[in-house]
Amino acid sequence: MPSESGAGGLLAKQMVAGGLAGMLADGVMYPMMTVKSRLQVQGASASVGSGGGASAIYMYRGPLHAIYTISAHEGWRTLYKGYATVSQIAPAQALYMASYQTAKKVLPGGKENPVVHFCGGVIATLVQSSVTVPVEVIRQRQMVQRSGGDSYKGSLHAATRIYKVEGVRALYRGFGLAQMVWGPYNAIYLPLWEASKRAAARYTGVDSVQKLEVQWELLSSFFSASCAAAITNPMDVVKTRLQVQGKSNASNSTNYTGALDAARSILRQEGVKGFACGISSRVFWIAPSSMIMFTCFDQLMKRL
């Protein structure tokens, strides 16, 4: 049985590896997150026939058109609005990976049990959300609006203005929804990721997943994340729209009273396809991001 110092050292390594891997993934894939947020929000403005808001600012046909239009009309730097928040992802991912790995050890059922993976993911998401939800609110408010006028001037300005105008509760808007997005996401992703790695180990003839070559880790993570991202997109649409609306957001074009009202409004005004807004960009953001994060985490853990 490992000593307390050994267990503490392992936990520290997991937090360092998780933080570095998470920050790298978030930094590399940040532009696609901007595209995802804009695509998910623009449908709301169009459906209510707003003269302002997102529909008056942009209307994209898909991820590639969004990237081209943003770069051509607003400059490529617009894709990185709110980029300062990337530094906050390191502690958030450190908490996530440490919580998940610890939960796998302490929960009854064994490390290879899919139920343990699911429960560990739920616990890790709850812990991580204490940091990531305010970060999401701040960055997504900046992502969906253009420069000039009464827009946010940066992450610190956005955080300060949201706090002064809307109160601290606004920074945690969507906390419950975050659990409903990332809880099911982890319920799908983590067991599928672990199973994919075991299947790859059997296919390649290695005796453990720790000995898998990096391309198999990448493939396992990409496949698992793509499935989980697509399935959980509807709730992410609701969460994103609630997080970006608020009195301090000059580009706000909706006034949902809560998650249920948002879901009903989307269904009534946009139909079922409204819940698919931004699904391809979400997959193209999350799958490579997860691939980078979890593969880097595994590689760092092997070397630390």
Protein backbone atom coordinates (compact mmCIF):
# COMPACT_ATOMS: atom_id res chain seq x y z
CA MET A 1 0.00 0.00 0.00
CA PRO A 2 1.48 3.42 -0.92
CA SER A 3 2.62 5.71 1.88
CA GLU A 4 0.92 9.03 2.62
CA SER A 5 3.87 10.92 1.19
CA GLY A 6 3.80 8.73 -1.91
CA ALA A 7 0.07 9.30 -2.35
CA GLY A 8 0.55 13.03 -1.82
CA GLY A 9 3.33 13.10 -4.38
CA LEU A 10 1.16 11.31 -6.91
CA LEU A 11 -1.70 13.74 -6.31
CA ALA A 12 0.65 16.69 -6.81
CA LYS A 13 1.89 15.19 -10.09
CA GLN A 14 -1.69 14.67 -11.26
CA MET A 15 -2.56 18.28 -10.48
CA VAL A 16 0.54 19.64 -12.27
CA ALA A 17 0.01 17.39 -15.28
CA GLY A 18 -3.73 18.16 -15.40
CA GLY A 19 -3.18 21.92 -15.10
CA LEU A 20 -0.52 22.09 -17.81
CA ALA A 21 -2.42 19.79 -20.16
CA GLY A 22 -5.68 21.68 -19.67
CA MET A 23 -4.13 25.09 -20.26
CA LEU A 24 -2.39 23.86 -23.41
CA ALA A 25 -5.61 22.37 -24.81
CA ASP A 26 -7.66 25.46 -23.97
CA GLY A 27 -5.08 27.81 -25.47
CA VAL A 28 -4.71 25.91 -28.73
CA MET A 29 -8.44 25.40 -29.35
CA TYR A 30 -9.65 28.78 -28.08
CA PRO A 31 -10.70 30.19 -31.51
CA MET A 32 -13.09 27.29 -32.08
CA MET A 33 -14.68 27.99 -28.71
CA THR A 34 -15.37 31.55 -29.86
CA VAL A 35 -16.98 30.21 -33.04
CA LYS A 36 -19.06 27.72 -31.04
CA SER A 37 -20.41 30.41 -28.73
CA ARG A 38 -21.35 32.75 -31.59
CA LEU A 39 -23.10 30.02 -33.55
CA GLN A 40 -25.08 28.92 -30.50
CA VAL A 41 -26.18 32.45 -29.66
CA GLN A 42 -26.98 33.87 -33.12
CA GLY A 43 -30.08 31.71 -33.54
CA ALA A 44 -31.73 33.38 -30.55
CA SER A 45 -31.49 36.85 -32.06
CA ALA A 46 -32.75 35.73 -35.45
CA SER A 47 -35.71 33.85 -33.97
CA VAL A 48 -37.05 36.81 -32.01
CA GLY A 49 -36.55 39.21 -34.91
CA SER A 50 -34.43 41.50 -32.81
CA GLY A 51 -33.24 44.67 -34.43
CA GLY A 52 -30.09 44.50 -32.34
CA GLY A 53 -28.10 41.82 -30.64
CA ALA A 54 -26.24 39.08 -32.39
CA SER A 55 -28.41 38.90 -35.50
CA ALA A 56 -27.65 42.53 -36.36
CA ILE A 57 -23.94 41.93 -35.84
CA TYR A 58 -23.30 38.59 -37.51
CA MET A 59 -24.97 35.59 -39.06
CA TYR A 60 -22.79 32.65 -40.01
CA ARG A 61 -23.56 29.61 -42.13
CA GLY A 62 -21.16 27.32 -40.29
CA PRO A 63 -17.77 27.11 -38.50
CA LEU A 64 -15.58 27.74 -41.55
CA HIS A 65 -17.72 30.68 -42.70
CA ALA A 66 -17.59 32.05 -39.15
CA ILE A 67 -13.79 31.84 -38.98
CA TYR A 68 -13.42 33.51 -42.38
CA THR A 69 -15.96 36.26 -41.65
CA ILE A 70 -14.59 37.05 -38.20
CA SER A 71 -11.02 37.21 -39.50
CA ALA A 72 -11.95 39.29 -42.55
CA HIS A 73 -14.33 41.78 -40.89
CA GLU A 74 -13.14 41.98 -37.30
CA GLY A 75 -9.56 40.74 -37.45
CA TRP A 76 -8.12 37.41 -36.33
CA ARG A 77 -7.59 38.75 -32.81
CA THR A 78 -11.37 38.69 -32.32
CA LEU A 79 -11.14 34.89 -32.23
CA TYR A 80 -9.09 35.30 -29.05
CA LYS A 81 -11.40 37.62 -27.11
CA GLY A 82 -11.22 36.70 -23.44
CA TYR A 83 -7.97 34.78 -23.98
CA ALA A 84 -6.64 36.01 -20.63
CA THR A 85 -8.99 33.54 -18.96
CA VAL A 86 -6.82 30.67 -20.28
CA SER A 87 -4.56 31.17 -17.25
CA GLN A 88 -7.51 30.25 -15.00
CA ILE A 89 -7.93 26.90 -16.74
CA ALA A 90 -4.74 25.48 -15.22
CA PRO A 91 -6.08 25.42 -11.62
CA ALA A 92 -9.51 24.31 -12.87
CA GLN A 93 -8.10 21.34 -14.80
CA ALA A 94 -5.71 20.55 -11.97
CA LEU A 95 -8.72 20.26 -9.67
CA TYR A 96 -10.59 18.19 -12.26
CA MET A 97 -7.85 15.62 -12.87
CA ALA A 98 -6.92 15.33 -9.20
CA SER A 99 -10.59 14.89 -8.20
CA TYR A 100 -11.21 12.31 -10.93
CA GLN A 101 -8.12 10.25 -10.19
CA THR A 102 -8.75 10.39 -6.44
CA ALA A 103 -12.40 9.39 -6.87
CA LYS A 104 -11.38 6.35 -8.94
CA LYS A 105 -9.23 5.20 -6.04
CA VAL A 106 -11.63 5.77 -3.16
CA LEU A 107 -14.98 4.86 -4.71
CA PRO A 108 -16.00 1.21 -4.27
CA GLY A 109 -16.08 -0.93 -7.37
CA GLY A 110 -12.54 -0.72 -8.71
CA LYS A 111 -10.67 1.56 -11.10
CA GLU A 112 -11.93 -0.23 -14.21
CA ASN A 113 -15.63 0.02 -13.28
CA PRO A 114 -17.62 2.28 -15.67
CA VAL A 115 -19.89 3.32 -12.80
CA VAL A 116 -16.83 4.51 -10.88
CA HIS A 117 -15.69 6.44 -13.96
CA PHE A 118 -19.11 8.10 -14.19
CA CYS A 119 -19.28 9.00 -10.49
CA GLY A 120 -15.70 10.20 -10.54
CA GLY A 121 -16.48 12.43 -13.51
CA VAL A 122 -19.54 13.91 -11.77
CA ILE A 123 -17.51 14.67 -8.63
CA ALA A 124 -14.64 16.14 -10.65
CA THR A 125 -17.02 18.32 -12.69
CA LEU A 126 -18.69 19.69 -9.55
CA VAL A 127 -15.32 20.64 -8.07
CA GLN A 128 -14.04 22.10 -11.35
CA SER A 129 -17.18 24.19 -11.93
CA SER A 130 -16.40 26.40 -8.94
CA VAL A 131 -13.64 27.90 -11.11
CA THR A 132 -14.82 27.30 -14.68
CA VAL A 133 -18.36 28.71 -14.53
CA PRO A 134 -17.28 32.32 -13.77
CA VAL A 135 -14.53 31.95 -16.39
CA GLU A 136 -17.11 30.76 -18.95
CA VAL A 137 -19.43 33.66 -18.22
CA ILE A 138 -16.62 36.22 -18.58
CA ARG A 139 -15.11 34.78 -21.75
CA GLN A 140 -18.39 34.00 -23.54
CA ARG A 141 -19.73 37.52 -22.92
CA GLN A 142 -16.63 38.82 -24.74
CA MET A 143 -16.76 36.19 -27.48
CA VAL A 144 -20.26 37.05 -28.69
CA GLN A 145 -19.85 40.81 -29.03
CA ARG A 146 -17.88 43.02 -31.39
CA SER A 147 -15.49 45.78 -30.40
CA GLY A 148 -16.54 49.36 -29.85
CA GLY A 149 -19.54 50.99 -28.29
CA ASP A 150 -20.47 49.70 -24.87
CA SER A 151 -18.68 46.36 -25.19
CA TYR A 152 -16.35 44.83 -22.63
CA LYS A 153 -12.75 46.03 -22.94
CA GLY A 154 -11.13 42.91 -21.54
CA SER A 155 -11.58 40.02 -19.11
CA LEU A 156 -10.98 42.11 -15.98
CA HIS A 157 -13.34 44.83 -17.22
CA ALA A 158 -15.96 42.21 -18.04
CA ALA A 159 -15.67 40.58 -14.61
CA THR A 160 -15.84 43.94 -12.81
CA ARG A 161 -18.75 45.20 -14.86
CA ILE A 162 -20.78 42.00 -14.51
CA TYR A 163 -20.21 42.07 -10.75
CA LYS A 164 -21.17 45.76 -10.38
CA VAL A 165 -24.19 45.72 -12.69
CA GLU A 166 -25.58 42.22 -12.14
CA GLY A 167 -24.04 40.98 -8.90
CA VAL A 168 -21.92 37.96 -8.04
CA ARG A 169 -24.77 35.57 -8.89
CA ALA A 170 -24.39 36.50 -12.56
CA LEU A 171 -20.85 35.10 -12.54
CA TYR A 172 -22.29 31.74 -11.51
CA ARG A 173 -25.21 31.82 -13.94
CA GLY A 174 -25.53 28.37 -15.45
CA PHE A 175 -23.76 26.56 -12.57
CA GLY A 176 -26.53 23.97 -12.35
CA LEU A 177 -26.70 23.73 -16.13
CA ALA A 178 -22.94 23.19 -16.23
CA GLN A 179 -23.47 20.03 -14.19
CA MET A 180 -26.23 18.97 -16.62
CA VAL A 181 -23.87 19.54 -19.56
CA TRP A 182 -20.60 18.20 -18.24
CA GLY A 183 -22.07 15.51 -15.97
CA PRO A 184 -23.63 13.62 -18.91
CA TYR A 185 -20.58 14.52 -21.03
CA ASN A 186 -18.29 12.81 -18.53
CA ALA A 187 -20.76 9.95 -18.13
CA ILE A 188 -20.30 9.28 -21.85
CA TYR A 189 -16.72 10.38 -22.40
CA LEU A 190 -14.80 8.89 -19.48
CA PRO A 191 -16.10 5.28 -19.63
CA LEU A 192 -15.87 5.35 -23.44
CA TRP A 193 -12.32 6.75 -23.27
CA GLU A 194 -11.20 4.13 -20.77
CA ALA A 195 -12.89 1.34 -22.79
CA SER A 196 -11.37 2.64 -26.04
CA LYS A 197 -7.89 2.57 -24.55
CA ARG A 198 -8.39 -0.98 -23.28
CA ALA A 199 -9.67 -2.04 -26.71
CA ALA A 200 -6.64 -0.39 -28.33
CA ALA A 201 -4.34 -2.19 -25.90
CA ARG A 202 -5.88 -5.55 -26.81
CA TYR A 203 -5.71 -4.73 -30.53
CA THR A 204 -2.05 -3.71 -30.40
CA GLY A 205 -1.05 -6.55 -28.09
CA VAL A 206 0.35 -4.45 -25.21
CA ASP A 207 -0.35 -5.65 -21.68
CA SER A 208 -1.59 -2.31 -20.26
CA VAL A 209 -2.99 1.03 -21.42
CA GLN A 210 0.08 2.73 -19.94
CA LYS A 211 2.14 1.14 -22.73
CA LEU A 212 -0.09 2.33 -25.57
CA GLU A 213 1.60 4.31 -28.31
CA VAL A 214 0.55 7.94 -28.41
CA GLN A 215 -1.46 7.68 -31.66
CA TRP A 216 -3.84 5.19 -30.03
CA GLU A 217 -4.33 7.50 -27.05
CA LEU A 218 -5.09 10.35 -29.45
CA LEU A 219 -7.58 8.28 -31.43
CA SER A 220 -9.33 6.99 -28.30
CA SER A 221 -9.73 10.49 -26.88
CA PHE A 222 -10.89 12.05 -30.16
CA PHE A 223 -13.53 9.38 -30.79
CA SER A 224 -14.88 9.44 -27.23
CA ALA A 225 -14.99 13.24 -27.01
CA SER A 226 -16.71 13.61 -30.40
CA CYS A 227 -19.54 11.31 -29.32
CA ALA A 228 -19.95 12.99 -25.93
CA ALA A 229 -19.79 16.55 -27.36
CA ALA A 230 -22.46 15.90 -29.99
CA ILE A 231 -24.87 14.19 -27.59
CA THR A 232 -24.64 16.95 -24.94
CA ASN A 233 -24.87 19.91 -27.34
CA PRO A 234 -28.58 20.71 -26.69
CA MET A 235 -28.04 21.50 -23.01
CA ASP A 236 -24.89 23.46 -23.88
CA VAL A 237 -26.96 25.70 -26.18
CA VAL A 238 -29.29 26.52 -23.27
CA LYS A 239 -26.37 27.11 -20.90
CA THR A 240 -24.49 29.37 -23.30
CA ARG A 241 -27.52 31.53 -24.07
CA LEU A 242 -28.27 32.02 -20.38
CA GLN A 243 -24.65 32.86 -19.55
CA VAL A 244 -24.24 35.53 -22.23
CA GLN A 245 -27.48 37.39 -21.50
CA GLY A 246 -27.41 40.13 -18.91
CA LYS A 247 -27.83 43.88 -18.37
CA SER A 248 -24.10 44.55 -18.75
CA ASN A 249 -23.88 42.82 -22.15
CA ALA A 250 -24.42 45.33 -24.97
CA SER A 251 -25.03 42.47 -27.43
CA ASN A 252 -27.70 40.74 -25.36
CA SER A 253 -30.86 39.95 -27.35
CA THR A 254 -32.75 37.50 -25.12
CA ASN A 255 -34.48 37.65 -21.78
CA TYR A 256 -34.95 34.05 -20.66
CA THR A 257 -36.10 33.70 -17.08
CA GLY A 258 -34.33 30.37 -16.59
CA ALA A 259 -33.26 27.11 -18.18
CA LEU A 260 -36.79 25.78 -18.67
CA ASP A 261 -37.97 29.03 -20.24
CA ALA A 262 -34.94 29.05 -22.53
CA ALA A 263 -35.53 25.46 -23.63
CA ARG A 264 -39.23 26.13 -24.31
CA SER A 265 -38.44 29.34 -26.23
CA ILE A 266 -35.83 27.61 -28.37
CA LEU A 267 -38.22 24.78 -29.19
CA ARG A 268 -41.11 27.13 -29.93
CA GLN A 269 -39.21 29.70 -31.99
CA GLU A 270 -36.49 27.63 -33.66
CA GLY A 271 -37.73 24.06 -33.49
CA VAL A 272 -35.64 21.03 -32.60
CA LYS A 273 -32.83 22.25 -34.87
CA GLY A 274 -32.30 25.14 -32.46
CA PHE A 275 -30.73 22.70 -30.01
CA ALA A 276 -28.24 21.67 -32.70
CA CYS A 277 -26.85 25.20 -33.09
CA GLY A 278 -23.07 25.08 -33.08
CA ILE A 279 -22.90 21.28 -32.84
CA SER A 280 -20.14 20.88 -35.44
CA SER A 281 -18.04 23.68 -33.96
CA ARG A 282 -18.55 22.20 -30.48
CA VAL A 283 -17.29 18.83 -31.69
CA PHE A 284 -14.35 20.50 -33.48
CA TRP A 285 -13.54 22.37 -30.27
CA ILE A 286 -14.02 19.67 -27.64
CA ALA A 287 -12.68 16.61 -29.47
CA PRO A 288 -9.24 18.07 -30.30
CA SER A 289 -9.15 19.83 -26.92
CA SER A 290 -9.84 16.59 -25.04
CA MET A 291 -7.40 14.76 -27.28
CA ILE A 292 -4.68 17.25 -26.40
CA MET A 293 -5.51 17.44 -22.71
CA PHE A 294 -5.92 13.77 -21.82
CA THR A 295 -3.08 12.60 -24.04
CA CYS A 296 -0.73 15.26 -22.66
CA PHE A 297 -1.87 14.33 -19.16
CA ASP A 298 -1.02 10.66 -19.75
CA GLN A 299 2.33 11.53 -21.32
CA LEU A 300 3.26 13.97 -18.54
CA MET A 301 2.30 11.41 -15.88
CA LYS A 302 4.59 8.86 -17.52
CA ARG A 303 7.50 11.29 -17.34
CA LEU A 304 6.94 12.97 -13.97
